[in-house]
Every structure is written in structure tokens, then in C-alpha cells.
Amino acid sequence: MNRCAVIGFGNPLRQDDGMGWRAAELVEAGLKEGAAEISICHQLTPEFATKLEHAPLVIFLDAAVDQAPGEVTRRPVEPDGQFVSSHSLTPGQLLRLAQLIYGSSPPAILISGGAMEMNSGDSLTAIGELCAVQMAELALNLLTRPAASENQT
């Protein structure tokens, strides 16, 4: 069965940088077991290309420093660029790698939340937690309403 892929990434030891992790945990808790392939990681690496091969949709969840704290956004991601590092890729670079290996890449969406603090710390700020909840709600909406997500990407 081809399942959607959800990849939450960031550093949970840097306060709100862990909001992608938290959002992925909330998505997993909100879905029936096995409804999507949920991954949580520090950074996107080339190995994740295998998770994209048959996925009908990929949702990336991440914190953002270029957004206002508390702001949650959603945008489509296209394959893009060349590989600048074998240890850390952007969502677009990961899609491009999947495209090169498998001949295509799935539709993808990046849901990001504006971080308030990225200092050392193993918990999100109140704003970071609120963002993670909103990010998870957006992702769950996309995963549970596939017809709607096709029209909104």
C-alpha cells in the first residue's frame, strides 16, 4: 500500500527548533496506525529519498526563523537545486534527489511554524507548542481529505 510520508525535522534540544518533531508526533497520534509513514529526524539526508519513491504525498514539518513567531504557513515544494551536502538537504533538494533516482518525485508540502526561541532547551515555548498543534492540524487535514489537498497544493 502506498502511504503518504510525513517528515518532521529539527533539533528538539534547541527549544522551538523541535516543533517539526512535536508536530509529527501529534500527526501520528491523530491517525490510525499505518495510515501514513511518519519520520522524525534532525535533518533531511539522502536516505529519505527511499521514503518518497511511492508516496502519493509528502508533508514536511519544520520550524522557521524567517517567519514571525507563531505564524504557521503551508506551501508547495518543488524539486530544486543541486546537492550541496550529503549530510543535510532542503525539502526541494530531497525531492530532486528522488526525481534523479526514481524518475519522479511526489507532490510535497512544507508546513512551517515561526520559532520564538532557538536557545538550548528540551521543551518548546508556549508559542512553539501552539505552532506545532496548528501544523499538525494542517497536516491531518491534508492526510484525511486527499481530494481537498489536491486542489489546495
Protein backbone atom coordinates (compact mmCIF):
# COMPACT_ATOMS: atom_id res chain seq x y z
CA MET A 1 0.00 0.00 0.00
CA ASN A 2 1.33 3.43 -0.93
CA ARG A 3 1.18 5.68 2.12
CA CYS A 4 1.73 9.39 2.44
CA ALA A 5 5.00 10.35 4.08
CA VAL A 6 5.23 12.86 6.92
CA ILE A 7 8.71 14.04 7.88
CA GLY A 8 9.14 16.22 10.95
CA PHE A 9 12.63 17.60 11.36
CA GLY A 10 14.68 19.95 13.51
CA ASN A 11 16.55 19.87 16.79
CA PRO A 12 14.42 19.15 19.88
CA LEU A 13 17.29 20.32 22.11
CA ARG A 14 17.02 23.86 20.70
CA GLN A 15 13.58 24.87 22.01
CA ASP A 16 11.25 25.76 19.11
CA ASP A 17 13.55 24.12 16.56
CA GLY A 18 11.89 20.92 17.79
CA MET A 19 8.44 21.98 16.60
CA GLY A 20 8.67 19.76 13.49
CA TRP A 21 9.27 16.76 15.76
CA ARG A 22 6.35 17.68 18.01
CA ALA A 23 4.01 18.27 15.07
CA ALA A 24 4.95 14.85 13.60
CA GLU A 25 4.22 13.19 16.96
CA LEU A 26 0.81 14.87 17.04
CA VAL A 27 0.08 13.79 13.46
CA GLU A 28 0.99 10.21 14.33
CA ALA A 29 -1.29 10.31 17.39
CA GLY A 30 -4.15 11.68 15.28
CA LEU A 31 -4.05 8.99 12.58
CA LYS A 32 -4.99 5.34 12.53
CA GLU A 33 -1.91 3.17 12.88
CA GLY A 34 -0.25 2.68 9.49
CA ALA A 35 -2.25 5.43 7.76
CA ALA A 36 0.95 7.32 6.88
CA GLU A 37 4.67 6.78 7.23
CA ILE A 38 5.81 9.18 9.95
CA SER A 39 9.51 10.02 10.27
CA ILE A 40 11.23 12.27 12.79
CA CYS A 41 14.82 13.39 12.32
CA HIS A 42 17.37 16.13 12.99
CA GLN A 43 17.92 16.87 9.30
CA LEU A 44 16.95 15.62 5.86
CA THR A 45 19.52 13.20 4.49
CA PRO A 46 19.76 11.35 1.16
CA GLU A 47 18.43 8.15 2.77
CA PHE A 48 14.98 9.75 2.99
CA ALA A 49 14.66 9.59 -0.81
CA THR A 50 13.59 5.94 -0.45
CA LYS A 51 10.58 7.02 1.63
CA LEU A 52 9.42 9.23 -1.24
CA GLU A 53 9.50 6.65 -4.04
CA HIS A 54 5.86 5.51 -3.84
CA ALA A 55 4.35 8.18 -1.59
CA PRO A 56 1.30 9.90 -3.10
CA LEU A 57 2.07 12.98 -0.96
CA VAL A 58 4.91 14.13 1.27
CA ILE A 59 4.42 16.59 4.11
CA PHE A 60 7.48 18.22 5.64
CA LEU A 61 7.12 19.79 9.11
CA ASP A 62 9.74 22.29 10.30
CA ALA A 63 10.37 25.39 12.37
CA ALA A 64 11.21 28.61 10.54
CA VAL A 65 13.31 31.57 11.61
CA ASP A 66 12.21 33.66 8.61
CA GLN A 67 8.57 33.78 9.77
CA ALA A 68 7.01 35.78 12.57
CA PRO A 69 6.91 33.84 15.84
CA GLY A 70 3.65 31.91 15.97
CA GLU A 71 2.91 32.22 12.26
CA VAL A 72 2.10 28.89 10.55
CA THR A 73 2.38 28.62 6.79
CA ARG A 74 1.92 25.96 4.16
CA ARG A 75 3.48 25.97 0.73
CA PRO A 76 4.09 23.50 -2.06
CA VAL A 77 7.65 22.26 -2.50
CA GLU A 78 9.14 21.54 -5.91
CA PRO A 79 12.29 19.57 -6.73
CA ASP A 80 15.10 22.06 -6.80
CA GLY A 81 18.79 22.69 -6.87
CA GLN A 82 21.91 20.67 -6.73
CA PHE A 83 23.18 18.84 -3.69
CA VAL A 84 25.43 20.98 -1.54
CA SER A 85 25.94 18.43 1.22
CA SER A 86 25.49 14.73 1.65
CA HIS A 87 24.53 15.28 5.29
CA SER A 88 21.74 17.84 5.11
CA LEU A 89 19.28 18.64 2.33
CA THR A 90 16.41 21.06 1.91
CA PRO A 91 13.00 19.57 1.12
CA GLY A 92 13.41 20.69 -2.51
CA GLN A 93 16.83 19.06 -2.78
CA LEU A 94 15.46 15.82 -1.32
CA LEU A 95 12.66 15.83 -3.90
CA ARG A 96 15.23 16.47 -6.64
CA LEU A 97 17.28 13.50 -5.44
CA ALA A 98 14.20 11.27 -5.50
CA GLN A 99 13.48 12.54 -9.01
CA LEU A 100 17.01 11.66 -10.16
CA ILE A 101 16.92 8.19 -8.60
CA TYR A 102 13.33 7.12 -9.34
CA GLY A 103 12.42 9.28 -12.34
CA SER A 104 9.80 11.29 -10.46
CA SER A 105 9.03 12.87 -7.13
CA PRO A 106 5.71 13.07 -5.30
CA PRO A 107 3.72 16.22 -4.63
CA ALA A 108 5.05 17.80 -1.45
CA ILE A 109 4.03 20.46 1.04
CA LEU A 110 6.12 22.22 3.67
CA ILE A 111 4.25 23.26 6.78
CA SER A 112 6.34 25.55 8.94
CA GLY A 113 5.91 27.46 12.14
CA GLY A 114 7.65 30.66 13.15
CA ALA A 115 10.02 29.99 16.04
CA MET A 116 10.13 32.22 19.12
CA GLU A 117 13.32 30.87 20.74
CA MET A 118 16.05 28.57 19.44
CA ASN A 119 18.29 28.50 22.51
CA SER A 120 19.42 25.36 24.32
CA GLY A 121 16.45 23.70 25.94
CA ASP A 122 14.48 20.49 25.63
CA SER A 123 10.98 21.95 25.51
CA LEU A 124 9.08 24.20 23.16
CA THR A 125 8.00 27.68 24.14
CA ALA A 126 4.24 28.21 24.54
CA ILE A 127 4.20 29.76 21.06
CA GLY A 128 6.20 26.82 19.68
CA GLU A 129 3.73 24.32 21.15
CA LEU A 130 0.80 26.25 19.69
CA CYS A 131 2.52 26.28 16.28
CA ALA A 132 3.18 22.53 16.48
CA VAL A 133 -0.52 21.90 17.21
CA GLN A 134 -1.59 24.10 14.27
CA MET A 135 0.98 22.47 11.98
CA ALA A 136 -0.31 19.01 12.94
CA GLU A 137 -3.91 20.10 12.32
CA LEU A 138 -2.99 21.30 8.82
CA ALA A 139 -1.16 18.06 8.09
CA LEU A 140 -4.01 15.91 9.40
CA ASN A 141 -6.45 17.87 7.27
CA LEU A 142 -4.33 17.16 4.18
CA LEU A 143 -3.96 13.48 5.06
CA THR A 144 -7.61 12.86 5.82
CA ARG A 145 -9.04 14.83 2.90
CA PRO A 146 -6.97 13.77 -0.14
CA ALA A 147 -9.37 15.30 -2.68
CA ALA A 148 -9.21 18.65 -0.92
CA SER A 149 -5.39 18.54 -0.68
CA GLU A 150 -5.03 18.03 -4.42
CA ASN A 151 -6.96 21.23 -5.03
CA GLN A 152 -5.04 23.20 -2.39
CA THR A 153 -1.43 22.39 -3.27
